[in-house]
């Protein structure tokens, strides 16, 4: 069974940091582009960050640029999202996702471009 499992969420004060992890099981995603999305209460799921299979290219939503960093360790089949200078508006459920293509140098920012999803991890930032 193919699974993506997010972890690392929690409650943090504004200005603090969290590091999310997304571990894959059932198959390797070390050759797939990956992304992070989030969904706040009452809002649609939105793009946060994405990374190519090799990690050579990354892209970010304007709202998190300069504060969040996406990275991956393909030896561990894991993708990370380092979140710094957190704001109350970053409060959401964070999801990782994997694209079906392998060895692609493209970056994908649309939700409907991703084929595999985790169950999400809650991040709450208090003011």
Foldseek 3Di string as FASTA:
>chain_A
DWAWAKDFADEEAQQAKIKIKIAIPPDAQLFWKKFKWWDDPPGDIFGAKIAHSPRPDMDGDPVQPPFWDWGDDRVRSMIMIIGGSDDQVVWTWMKMFTAPDGNDPDIDGDPVRTDHIHPTDTHGYHD
